[in-house]
Protein backbone atom coordinates (compact mmCIF):
# COMPACT_ATOMS: atom_id res chain seq x y z
CA MET A 1 -21.96 22.53 5.86
CA ARG A 2 -19.06 23.63 3.63
CA SER A 3 -18.19 19.86 2.89
CA GLU A 4 -21.76 19.35 1.69
CA GLU A 5 -21.70 22.26 -0.51
CA LEU A 6 -18.48 21.36 -2.08
CA PHE A 7 -19.54 17.75 -2.72
CA SER A 8 -22.73 18.98 -4.31
CA GLU A 9 -20.77 20.81 -6.93
CA ALA A 10 -18.33 18.09 -7.20
CA GLN A 11 -21.02 15.55 -8.39
CA THR A 12 -21.49 17.95 -11.48
CA LEU A 13 -17.78 18.11 -12.38
CA ILE A 14 -15.99 14.69 -11.25
CA PRO A 15 -17.24 11.60 -12.48
CA GLY A 16 -17.72 8.58 -10.15
CA GLY A 17 -20.19 10.34 -7.78
CA GLY A 18 -17.93 13.46 -7.09
CA VAL A 19 -14.84 11.63 -5.81
CA SER A 20 -11.44 11.15 -7.54
CA SER A 21 -11.05 7.65 -6.00
CA PRO A 22 -13.87 5.26 -4.91
CA VAL A 23 -13.05 4.74 -1.31
CA ARG A 24 -13.49 8.46 -0.69
CA ALA A 25 -17.30 8.28 -1.44
CA ILE A 26 -18.45 8.48 2.19
CA LYS A 27 -22.15 8.70 2.76
CA PRO A 28 -23.86 11.05 2.77
CA TYR A 29 -21.11 13.05 1.80
CA PRO A 30 -17.26 13.09 2.37
CA PHE A 31 -15.74 15.75 4.33
CA TYR A 32 -13.23 18.01 2.56
CA THR A 33 -9.97 18.72 4.21
CA ARG A 34 -8.64 22.13 4.48
CA LYS A 35 -5.11 21.51 5.94
CA ALA A 36 -3.09 18.83 7.86
CA ALA A 37 -0.10 18.78 10.29
CA GLY A 38 1.28 16.16 12.32
CA SER A 39 -1.25 13.50 13.14
CA HIS A 40 -4.27 15.74 12.55
CA LEU A 41 -6.60 16.90 9.83
CA VAL A 42 -8.62 19.98 9.72
CA THR A 43 -11.73 19.90 7.60
CA GLU A 44 -13.51 22.71 5.65
CA ASP A 45 -16.21 22.46 8.39
CA GLY A 46 -13.58 23.29 11.11
CA GLU A 47 -13.39 19.69 12.58
CA ASP A 48 -9.95 18.66 13.94
CA LEU A 49 -9.50 14.95 13.51
CA ILE A 50 -6.80 12.46 14.46
CA ASP A 51 -5.91 10.92 11.23
CA CYS A 52 -5.41 7.13 11.10
CA CYS A 53 -5.67 7.03 7.44
CA LEU A 54 -2.57 8.89 6.67
CA GLY A 55 -3.11 8.98 2.97
CA TYR A 56 -3.77 5.15 3.00
CA GLY A 57 -0.35 4.55 4.48
CA PRO A 58 2.53 7.04 3.05
CA LEU A 59 2.57 9.39 5.86
CA ILE A 60 4.69 7.43 8.35
CA LEU A 61 6.08 10.72 9.67
CA GLY A 62 2.84 12.44 9.76
CA HIS A 63 1.45 15.28 7.83
CA ALA A 64 3.94 18.15 6.78
CA HIS A 65 6.86 16.84 8.65
CA PRO A 66 9.61 19.47 8.94
CA ALA A 67 12.48 17.40 7.40
CA VAL A 68 10.22 16.64 4.23
CA ARG A 69 8.84 19.97 4.11
CA GLU A 70 12.40 21.32 4.13
CA ALA A 71 13.36 19.11 1.38
CA ILE A 72 10.60 20.01 -0.90
CA CYS A 73 10.81 23.75 -0.28
CA SER A 74 14.65 23.45 -1.01
CA CYS A 75 14.06 21.53 -4.20
CA THR A 76 11.64 24.02 -5.51
CA GLU A 77 14.40 26.66 -5.65
CA ASP A 78 16.13 24.51 -8.24
CA GLY A 79 13.05 23.69 -10.24
CA TRP A 80 10.58 20.68 -10.27
CA LEU A 81 10.81 18.96 -13.40
CA TYR A 82 13.75 18.46 -15.84
CA GLY A 83 12.97 15.80 -18.21
CA THR A 84 16.54 14.66 -17.73
CA PRO A 85 18.38 12.31 -15.18
CA ALA A 86 19.26 13.98 -11.77
CA GLU A 87 21.75 12.87 -9.15
CA LYS A 88 18.84 12.45 -6.64
CA GLU A 89 17.69 9.28 -8.59
CA LEU A 90 21.02 7.78 -7.77
CA THR A 91 20.80 8.73 -3.98
CA LEU A 92 17.36 7.28 -3.42
CA ALA A 93 18.33 4.31 -5.48
CA ARG A 94 21.35 3.58 -3.51
CA MET A 95 19.26 3.66 -0.35
CA LEU A 96 16.79 1.02 -1.66
CA VAL A 97 19.59 -1.17 -2.98
CA ALA A 98 21.56 -0.83 0.32
CA ASP A 99 18.23 -1.71 2.54
CA HIS A 100 17.11 -4.63 0.57
CA PRO A 101 19.15 -7.72 -0.29
CA SER A 102 16.82 -8.61 -3.11
CA VAL A 103 17.37 -5.33 -5.00
CA ASP A 104 20.25 -4.79 -7.42
CA MET A 105 18.65 -2.19 -9.63
CA VAL A 106 15.65 0.41 -9.39
CA ARG A 107 13.49 1.99 -11.80
CA PHE A 108 11.39 5.07 -10.64
CA VAL A 109 7.80 5.66 -11.99
CA SER A 110 5.08 7.79 -10.78
CA SER A 111 2.96 5.52 -8.66
CA GLY A 112 2.35 2.13 -7.22
CA SER A 113 -0.07 1.33 -9.83
CA GLU A 114 2.47 2.01 -12.58
CA ALA A 115 5.17 0.02 -10.68
CA THR A 116 3.25 -3.11 -10.56
CA MET A 117 2.07 -2.79 -14.13
CA ALA A 118 5.53 -2.36 -15.31
CA ALA A 119 6.82 -5.29 -13.03
CA ILE A 120 4.42 -7.74 -14.57
CA ARG A 121 5.24 -6.68 -18.02
CA LEU A 122 8.98 -7.24 -17.21
CA ALA A 123 8.33 -10.58 -15.70
CA ARG A 124 6.26 -11.51 -18.83
CA GLY A 125 9.07 -10.35 -21.00
CA PHE A 126 11.97 -12.08 -18.89
CA THR A 127 10.03 -15.48 -18.97
CA ASN A 128 8.38 -15.18 -22.31
CA ARG A 129 5.24 -16.57 -20.56
CA GLU A 130 1.75 -15.03 -20.72
CA ASP A 131 -0.16 -15.64 -17.29
CA ILE A 132 0.31 -14.32 -13.97
CA ILE A 133 -1.10 -15.44 -10.41
CA LYS A 134 -2.51 -13.03 -8.03
CA ILE A 135 -3.96 -13.50 -4.44
CA GLU A 136 -7.84 -13.30 -4.26
CA GLY A 137 -8.30 -9.91 -2.58
CA GLY A 138 -4.76 -8.65 -3.36
CA PHE A 139 -4.79 -5.11 -4.73
CA HIS A 140 -2.00 -4.15 -7.22
CA GLY A 141 -3.43 -0.88 -8.63
CA ALA A 142 -6.11 -0.11 -11.30
CA HIS A 143 -4.40 -0.71 -14.50
CA ASP A 144 -5.46 -3.25 -17.29
CA GLY A 145 -3.02 -5.94 -16.42
CA GLY A 146 -5.67 -8.30 -15.07
CA VAL A 147 -5.06 -7.09 -11.50
CA LEU A 148 -8.62 -5.95 -11.20
CA ILE A 149 -9.80 -9.54 -10.80
CA LYS A 150 -11.06 -9.94 -7.25
CA ALA A 151 -9.18 -7.00 -6.05
CA GLY A 152 -9.20 -5.54 -2.64
CA SER A 153 -9.26 -1.73 -1.50
CA GLY A 154 -12.10 0.19 -3.13
CA ALA A 155 -13.15 -2.69 -5.50
CA THR A 156 -13.96 -4.78 -2.45
CA THR A 157 -15.73 -2.03 -0.56
CA MET A 158 -17.88 -1.11 -3.54
CA GLY A 159 -18.97 -4.80 -4.17
CA VAL A 160 -17.30 -4.59 -7.73
CA PRO A 161 -14.30 -6.56 -7.79
CA ASP A 162 -14.12 -6.91 -11.46
CA SER A 163 -14.13 -3.74 -13.80
CA ALA A 164 -15.91 -3.13 -16.93
CA GLY A 165 -13.57 -2.22 -19.60
CA VAL A 166 -11.05 -4.98 -18.83
CA ILE A 167 -11.24 -7.17 -22.03
CA PRO A 168 -11.65 -10.80 -21.73
CA ASP A 169 -8.34 -11.63 -23.36
CA VAL A 170 -6.40 -9.89 -20.53
CA VAL A 171 -8.66 -11.65 -17.71
CA LYS A 172 -8.09 -15.15 -19.10
CA HIS A 173 -4.15 -14.57 -18.19
CA THR A 174 -4.90 -13.82 -14.64
CA LEU A 175 -5.05 -16.81 -12.34
CA GLN A 176 -5.92 -16.70 -8.71
CA VAL A 177 -5.33 -18.47 -5.37
CA PRO A 178 -6.33 -17.72 -1.91
CA TYR A 179 -3.85 -16.09 0.52
CA ASN A 180 -2.14 -18.48 2.96
CA ASP A 181 -2.90 -21.60 0.77
CA THR A 182 0.22 -23.02 -0.46
CA GLU A 183 -1.50 -26.25 -1.82
CA ALA A 184 -3.64 -24.18 -4.15
CA LEU A 185 -0.67 -22.55 -5.54
CA SER A 186 1.37 -25.83 -5.80
CA ALA A 187 -1.82 -27.43 -7.56
CA LEU A 188 -2.00 -24.32 -10.04
CA LEU A 189 1.55 -24.50 -11.10
CA GLU A 190 1.46 -28.28 -11.59
CA ASN A 191 -0.92 -27.89 -14.13
CA ASN A 192 0.26 -24.74 -15.97
CA ASP A 193 3.60 -24.14 -17.58
CA ASN A 194 2.71 -20.57 -18.89
CA VAL A 195 3.15 -18.79 -15.61
CA ALA A 196 5.36 -15.89 -15.69
CA ALA A 197 5.08 -14.57 -12.14
CA PHE A 198 3.12 -14.72 -8.78
CA ILE A 199 2.41 -11.34 -7.51
CA LEU A 200 1.27 -10.76 -4.00
CA GLU A 201 1.23 -8.40 -1.00
CA PRO A 202 3.30 -10.38 1.55
CA VAL A 203 0.82 -8.86 4.06
CA LEU A 204 -2.51 -8.12 2.70
CA GLY A 205 -2.89 -4.45 3.11
CA ASN A 206 -5.97 -3.49 1.09
CA VAL A 207 -8.27 -5.89 2.88
CA GLY A 208 -6.42 -5.88 5.97
CA PRO A 209 -3.90 -6.19 7.38
CA VAL A 210 -4.13 -9.98 6.90
CA LEU A 211 -1.06 -11.72 8.08
CA PRO A 212 0.84 -14.52 6.63
CA ASP A 213 0.77 -17.88 8.33
CA GLU A 214 3.94 -19.21 9.85
CA ASN A 215 6.31 -20.28 6.94
CA TYR A 216 3.75 -19.33 4.28
CA LEU A 217 5.92 -16.77 2.39
CA ALA A 218 9.01 -19.14 2.64
CA GLU A 219 6.85 -21.87 1.15
CA VAL A 220 5.69 -19.65 -1.51
CA ARG A 221 9.37 -18.74 -2.30
CA LYS A 222 10.15 -22.50 -2.62
CA ILE A 223 7.20 -23.38 -4.72
CA THR A 224 7.75 -20.64 -7.22
CA GLU A 225 11.46 -21.39 -7.53
CA GLU A 226 10.58 -25.14 -8.25
CA HIS A 227 8.35 -24.03 -10.95
CA ASP A 228 10.82 -21.31 -12.44
CA VAL A 229 8.12 -18.66 -11.64
CA LEU A 230 9.06 -15.06 -10.74
CA LEU A 231 7.91 -13.97 -7.34
CA ILE A 232 6.94 -10.35 -7.33
CA PHE A 233 6.41 -8.67 -3.68
CA ASP A 234 4.26 -5.71 -3.94
CA GLU A 235 5.45 -3.84 -1.06
CA VAL A 236 3.81 -0.45 -2.06
CA ILE A 237 2.14 -0.45 1.53
CA THR A 238 4.53 -2.57 3.56
CA GLY A 239 7.65 -0.93 2.25
CA TYR A 240 9.31 0.97 5.45
CA ARG A 241 6.06 0.35 7.27
CA LEU A 242 7.48 -2.66 9.12
CA GLY A 243 11.05 -1.53 9.53
CA ILE A 244 14.21 -0.56 7.50
CA GLY A 245 14.79 -2.81 4.63
CA GLY A 246 11.39 -2.51 2.84
CA GLY A 247 9.12 -4.27 5.17
CA ALA A 248 7.85 -7.84 4.73
CA GLN A 249 10.68 -9.27 2.76
CA VAL A 250 13.46 -8.36 5.39
CA LYS A 251 10.99 -9.07 8.36
CA TYR A 252 10.38 -12.63 7.11
CA GLY A 253 13.54 -13.23 5.39
CA ILE A 254 12.46 -13.80 1.94
CA THR A 255 14.27 -12.88 -1.19
CA PRO A 256 11.74 -12.22 -4.15
CA ASP A 257 12.80 -11.65 -7.72
CA LEU A 258 11.03 -8.49 -8.08
CA THR A 259 9.76 -5.78 -5.72
CA THR A 260 7.39 -2.78 -6.13
CA PHE A 261 7.52 0.16 -3.74
CA GLY A 262 5.49 3.44 -3.39
CA LYS A 263 4.01 5.47 -0.66
CA ILE A 264 6.60 5.99 2.00
CA ILE A 265 9.64 6.22 -0.58
CA GLY A 266 7.93 9.58 -1.85
CA GLY A 267 8.31 11.21 1.62
CA GLY A 268 4.71 10.45 2.59
CA GLY A 269 2.75 12.21 -0.05
CA LEU A 270 4.32 12.93 -3.16
CA PRO A 271 3.68 10.69 -6.35
CA ILE A 272 6.37 8.05 -6.74
CA GLY A 273 6.80 4.25 -7.20
CA CYS A 274 9.44 2.06 -8.46
CA PHE A 275 9.83 -1.63 -9.58
CA SER A 276 13.16 -3.11 -8.45
CA GLY A 277 14.92 -6.55 -8.39
CA ARG A 278 17.58 -8.74 -9.66
CA ARG A 279 19.93 -7.33 -12.20
CA ASP A 280 19.31 -9.82 -14.91
CA ILE A 281 15.65 -9.09 -14.88
CA MET A 282 15.80 -5.48 -14.63
CA ALA A 283 18.31 -5.29 -17.38
CA LEU A 284 15.45 -5.98 -19.91
CA THR A 285 14.00 -2.76 -19.37
CA ALA A 286 14.21 -0.34 -22.21
CA PRO A 287 15.89 1.22 -23.67
CA ALA A 288 18.78 -1.12 -22.84
CA GLY A 289 16.39 -4.05 -23.19
CA PRO A 290 13.25 -5.04 -24.94
CA VAL A 291 10.56 -4.36 -22.21
CA TYR A 292 9.33 -0.83 -22.98
CA GLN A 293 8.52 1.52 -20.04
CA ALA A 294 8.58 5.30 -19.93
CA GLY A 295 7.15 8.38 -17.94
CA THR A 296 7.73 12.20 -18.35
CA PHE A 297 7.43 12.43 -14.43
CA SER A 298 9.38 9.37 -13.59
CA GLY A 299 12.22 10.45 -11.30
CA ASN A 300 10.56 13.62 -10.55
CA PRO A 301 13.04 15.78 -8.27
CA LEU A 302 10.36 16.90 -5.84
CA SER A 303 9.34 13.27 -5.09
CA LEU A 304 13.01 12.21 -5.02
CA SER A 305 13.86 14.93 -2.61
CA ALA A 306 10.97 14.12 -0.19
CA GLY A 307 11.59 10.30 -0.32
CA ILE A 308 15.25 10.84 0.47
CA ALA A 309 14.58 13.13 3.45
CA CYS A 310 11.95 10.65 4.71
CA LEU A 311 14.16 7.40 4.42
CA GLN A 312 17.07 9.25 6.07
CA TYR A 313 14.91 10.32 8.84
CA LEU A 314 13.68 6.74 9.46
CA ARG A 315 17.25 5.46 9.12
CA ASN A 316 18.56 7.82 11.68
CA ASN A 317 15.79 6.96 14.22
CA ARG A 318 15.48 3.26 13.47
CA GLY A 319 16.39 2.17 16.99
CA GLY A 320 13.18 3.58 18.92
CA LEU A 321 10.96 4.68 15.97
CA TYR A 322 9.52 1.46 14.91
CA GLN A 323 9.39 -0.12 18.37
CA MET A 324 7.40 2.98 19.62
CA LEU A 325 4.97 2.46 16.44
CA GLU A 326 4.37 -1.13 17.40
CA GLU A 327 3.66 -0.35 21.13
CA ASN A 328 1.20 2.15 20.29
CA ALA A 329 -0.57 -0.24 17.89
CA ARG A 330 -0.60 -2.80 20.81
CA ILE A 331 -1.99 -0.22 23.24
CA ILE A 332 -5.00 0.22 21.06
CA GLY A 333 -5.52 -3.43 20.76
CA GLU A 334 -5.42 -3.66 24.55
CA SER A 335 -8.28 -1.24 24.69
CA LEU A 336 -10.80 -3.50 23.16
CA PRO A 337 -13.23 -5.20 25.38
CA THR A 338 -13.02 -8.91 25.56
CA ASN A 339 -15.56 -9.75 22.94
CA LYS A 340 -13.89 -7.65 20.39
CA VAL A 341 -9.99 -8.71 20.83
CA GLY A 342 -10.32 -11.58 18.43
CA GLY A 343 -10.88 -9.49 15.54
CA PHE A 344 -8.18 -7.13 16.08
CA VAL A 345 -4.91 -7.35 13.99
CA HIS A 346 -1.80 -5.37 14.15
CA LEU A 347 1.80 -5.56 12.55
CA GLY A 348 4.00 -2.82 13.35
CA SER A 349 2.12 0.56 12.75
CA MET A 350 -0.73 -1.28 10.72
CA PHE A 351 -3.82 -2.21 12.51
CA LYS A 352 -7.46 -3.13 12.06
CA LEU A 353 -10.57 -4.25 14.06
CA PHE A 354 -12.27 -6.78 11.89
CA PHE A 355 -16.06 -7.33 13.00
CA ARG A 356 -15.76 -11.00 13.17
CA LYS A 357 -14.70 -13.37 15.97
CA THR A 358 -11.19 -14.23 14.52
CA PRO A 359 -8.54 -12.53 12.57
CA PRO A 360 -9.18 -13.23 8.85
CA ARG A 361 -6.66 -15.50 7.07
CA ASP A 362 -7.48 -14.47 3.60
CA TYR A 363 -9.83 -12.41 1.40
CA ARG A 364 -12.86 -14.73 1.70
CA GLU A 365 -12.80 -14.61 5.63
CA ALA A 366 -12.27 -10.93 5.43
CA LYS A 367 -15.42 -10.55 3.50
CA GLN A 368 -17.32 -12.56 6.20
CA SER A 369 -16.86 -9.28 8.57
CA ASP A 370 -19.88 -7.52 9.54
CA THR A 371 -19.81 -4.42 7.47
CA GLU A 372 -23.02 -2.83 8.97
CA ALA A 373 -21.29 -3.15 12.39
CA PHE A 374 -18.02 -1.54 11.02
CA SER A 375 -20.19 1.34 9.67
CA VAL A 376 -21.77 2.03 13.03
CA PHE A 377 -18.25 1.97 14.52
CA TRP A 378 -16.70 4.19 11.83
CA ASN A 379 -19.30 6.86 12.41
CA LYS A 380 -18.91 6.67 16.04
CA MET A 381 -14.98 7.18 15.99
CA ARG A 382 -15.59 10.12 13.53
CA LYS A 383 -17.87 11.58 16.15
CA ALA A 384 -15.14 11.11 18.67
CA GLY A 385 -12.79 12.97 16.39
CA ILE A 386 -10.85 10.17 14.98
CA PHE A 387 -10.58 9.54 11.19
CA LEU A 388 -10.31 5.90 10.05
CA PRO A 389 -10.43 4.64 6.44
CA PRO A 390 -14.10 4.62 5.71
CA SER A 391 -14.04 0.85 4.84
CA GLN A 392 -13.77 -2.46 6.74
CA PHE A 393 -11.39 -3.51 3.93
CA GLU A 394 -8.54 -0.94 4.24
CA THR A 395 -5.58 -0.91 6.74
CA ASN A 396 -5.35 1.74 9.67
CA PHE A 397 -2.05 3.27 10.27
CA LEU A 398 -0.10 5.18 12.81
CA SER A 399 2.62 7.84 12.56
CA VAL A 400 5.57 8.95 14.45
CA ALA A 401 3.48 12.17 14.88
CA HIS A 402 0.70 10.30 16.99
CA THR A 403 1.27 11.42 20.50
CA GLU A 404 0.53 9.41 23.79
CA GLU A 405 -2.64 11.63 23.90
CA ASP A 406 -3.55 10.68 20.46
CA VAL A 407 -3.03 7.05 21.25
CA ALA A 408 -5.14 7.31 24.27
CA ALA A 409 -7.84 9.03 22.41
CA ILE A 410 -8.06 6.35 19.67
CA ALA A 411 -8.12 3.65 22.29
CA GLY A 412 -10.66 5.48 24.27
CA GLY A 413 -12.96 6.17 21.38
CA ILE A 414 -13.28 2.50 20.22
CA PHE A 415 -15.79 1.45 22.82
């Protein structure tokens, strides 16, 4: 098989067992993708797969969507890196500000990881405090900001939630609380006046989706305000996944102090991220303020062009687009046999079958899922021509490119 041949060579050239990101390490070897269009991937071995991974979330319009492709191709005629400001930065920033009541200013970076790193640094600079609080199992990238403590995503899958190379002096400034546990958050803040910010995925995406209890996010907002702690919503996954206006913050009516975005704002595939929020906080960003952040590829015109095209498409079709995605996820859930329904979770176009009797409420409950049963299930779906993220601890996604036939095949392939 061509994929096996490529992987054999990759193991001699690429560290980490031949893959560029841990979650891609599928046993006995990962398939290699030759091309993708709409809702399908074609592998180097000639397999045609319905894609429910979608690049781990950004491809809400599907692969190679015509509107995004046209925007990218048009941009290449004018060059693809300037090292100067470009008007497209303002265009995309205006869209983000208009869609989010919590956002006054936006700073573009090159990835979601970079966005969360900068947001945490900005929060510390604004408050002159050192500690941050994160959620157990919350994933905010792979940078040395203390966020790799009990992280989700590939760290959970590999069973290595802490990383070598993260120094103890960083780790000691990262505190943790379980998701959906406001009492733990209150107790922690009652005994610590050095907390700069609480960063969380409002809907846990990298062990999930795991959904917030009723009023959980509202209580989090209240508690952080009472203790003068900044609230950072990491909406890298949920941004524009749950509707216009980012995602969770508009859906649940919460106003965080800072928000990070990525994935979809790059048009579904081009590298981008941003941190954004209140003007008085954002104003501390260099060079106007003392909190340093920089990047040669920040505000890259290709990524901006793709993002503008994608968000404009979502805005123009907001009436039926999100309703259709929600309905398709519901159809998949209703296809489950009675004994499996309890472990199915969906929100908008995000869905997951947890191999446990009830939906998890936090990281610890998600970790109680039967990963061996999931592995059997994943391989069965793969043989049925459906590609799911190869981990019990990653969200599945749908796109507008998934047809009724695709949804029927996904539902039919489950059991």
